[in-house]
Amino acid sequence: MEQSKQQTKSTQERLKESISILKQLNDIGVHSTNPAYKELSGRFNDWVRGGEAWTGDIEFPKYNRIAQVSLPVKLGRVATCNFLVKH
């Protein structure tokens, strides 16, 4: 059990990665009041609190983009949010 704890991210690490990604979205003009931003923020909240990995897409129709999100729990793997042009 102790070995498995060492191989997973702490709550603080998950929180830090979540804040970093949300800040980057704010920096490019995505507002925190946007429904898709709120959905993404909710995913981050679940990930930070529950510690379960999640991967999926979140559509940002106002910006004509899709965010491909990966929230890993293993150490050495960083959370990603690829904000792609919607096809």
Protein backbone atom coordinates (compact mmCIF):
# COMPACT_ATOMS: atom_id res chain seq x y z
CA MET A 1 0.00 0.00 0.00
CA GLU A 2 2.76 2.46 0.89
CA GLN A 3 4.47 1.78 -2.44
CA SER A 4 1.26 2.59 -4.33
CA LYS A 5 0.94 5.92 -2.46
CA GLN A 6 4.45 6.84 -3.56
CA GLN A 7 3.46 6.21 -7.18
CA THR A 8 0.42 8.48 -7.19
CA LYS A 9 0.17 12.25 -7.07
CA SER A 10 -0.77 13.98 -3.87
CA THR A 11 -3.86 16.15 -3.58
CA GLN A 12 -1.57 19.20 -3.56
CA GLU A 13 0.12 18.13 -6.79
CA ARG A 14 -3.24 17.61 -8.51
CA LEU A 15 -4.47 21.00 -7.25
CA LYS A 16 -1.34 22.77 -8.49
CA GLU A 17 -1.71 21.26 -11.98
CA SER A 18 -5.43 22.15 -12.07
CA ILE A 19 -4.82 25.78 -11.12
CA SER A 20 -2.04 26.06 -13.69
CA ILE A 21 -4.25 24.85 -16.56
CA LEU A 22 -7.23 27.00 -15.54
CA LYS A 23 -4.95 30.04 -15.30
CA GLN A 24 -3.59 29.35 -18.78
CA LEU A 25 -7.14 29.25 -20.15
CA ASN A 26 -7.87 32.59 -18.41
CA ASP A 27 -4.68 34.04 -19.89
CA ILE A 28 -5.84 33.25 -23.45
CA GLY A 29 -9.22 34.83 -22.86
CA VAL A 30 -11.47 31.99 -21.69
CA HIS A 31 -13.64 33.43 -18.93
CA SER A 32 -14.36 31.56 -15.72
CA THR A 33 -18.08 32.29 -16.23
CA ASN A 34 -18.15 30.24 -19.45
CA PRO A 35 -20.19 27.01 -19.00
CA ALA A 36 -17.46 24.85 -20.58
CA TYR A 37 -14.84 26.40 -18.27
CA LYS A 38 -17.11 25.59 -15.32
CA GLU A 39 -17.47 22.00 -16.57
CA LEU A 40 -13.69 21.68 -16.83
CA SER A 41 -13.25 23.21 -13.39
CA GLY A 42 -15.72 20.65 -12.02
CA ARG A 43 -13.69 17.84 -13.58
CA PHE A 44 -10.60 19.24 -11.89
CA ASN A 45 -12.44 19.44 -8.56
CA ASP A 46 -13.45 15.77 -8.83
CA TRP A 47 -9.89 14.81 -9.81
CA VAL A 48 -8.30 16.77 -6.97
CA ARG A 49 -10.71 15.45 -4.33
CA GLY A 50 -11.19 11.89 -5.55
CA GLY A 51 -7.80 11.17 -7.05
CA GLU A 52 -9.18 9.14 -9.97
CA ALA A 53 -7.75 9.54 -13.45
CA TRP A 54 -10.00 11.03 -16.15
CA THR A 55 -9.59 11.55 -19.87
CA GLY A 56 -12.12 13.16 -22.18
CA ASP A 57 -13.18 16.06 -24.38
CA ILE A 58 -14.98 19.21 -23.32
CA GLU A 59 -16.51 21.41 -26.02
CA PHE A 60 -16.09 25.17 -25.84
CA PRO A 61 -18.66 26.23 -28.49
CA LYS A 62 -18.25 29.98 -27.87
CA TYR A 63 -14.57 29.65 -28.82
CA ASN A 64 -15.16 27.04 -31.55
CA ARG A 65 -12.76 24.68 -29.79
CA ILE A 66 -12.57 21.35 -28.03
CA ALA A 67 -10.36 20.78 -25.00
CA GLN A 68 -8.84 17.31 -24.93
CA VAL A 69 -8.16 16.71 -21.26
CA SER A 70 -6.02 14.08 -19.55
CA LEU A 71 -5.90 13.94 -15.76
CA PRO A 72 -3.47 11.20 -14.72
CA VAL A 73 -2.80 10.16 -11.15
CA LYS A 74 0.59 8.50 -11.52
CA LEU A 75 3.73 10.42 -10.60
CA GLY A 76 5.72 11.57 -13.60
CA ARG A 77 2.61 12.15 -15.76
CA VAL A 78 1.36 15.72 -16.00
CA ALA A 79 -2.24 16.79 -16.51
CA THR A 80 -2.86 18.18 -20.00
CA CYS A 81 -5.52 20.27 -21.69
CA ASN A 82 -5.07 20.56 -25.45
CA PHE A 83 -7.35 23.38 -26.61
CA LEU A 84 -7.90 22.36 -30.24
CA VAL A 85 -9.80 23.91 -33.12
CA LYS A 86 -13.20 22.26 -33.44
CA HIS A 87 -13.84 20.44 -36.71
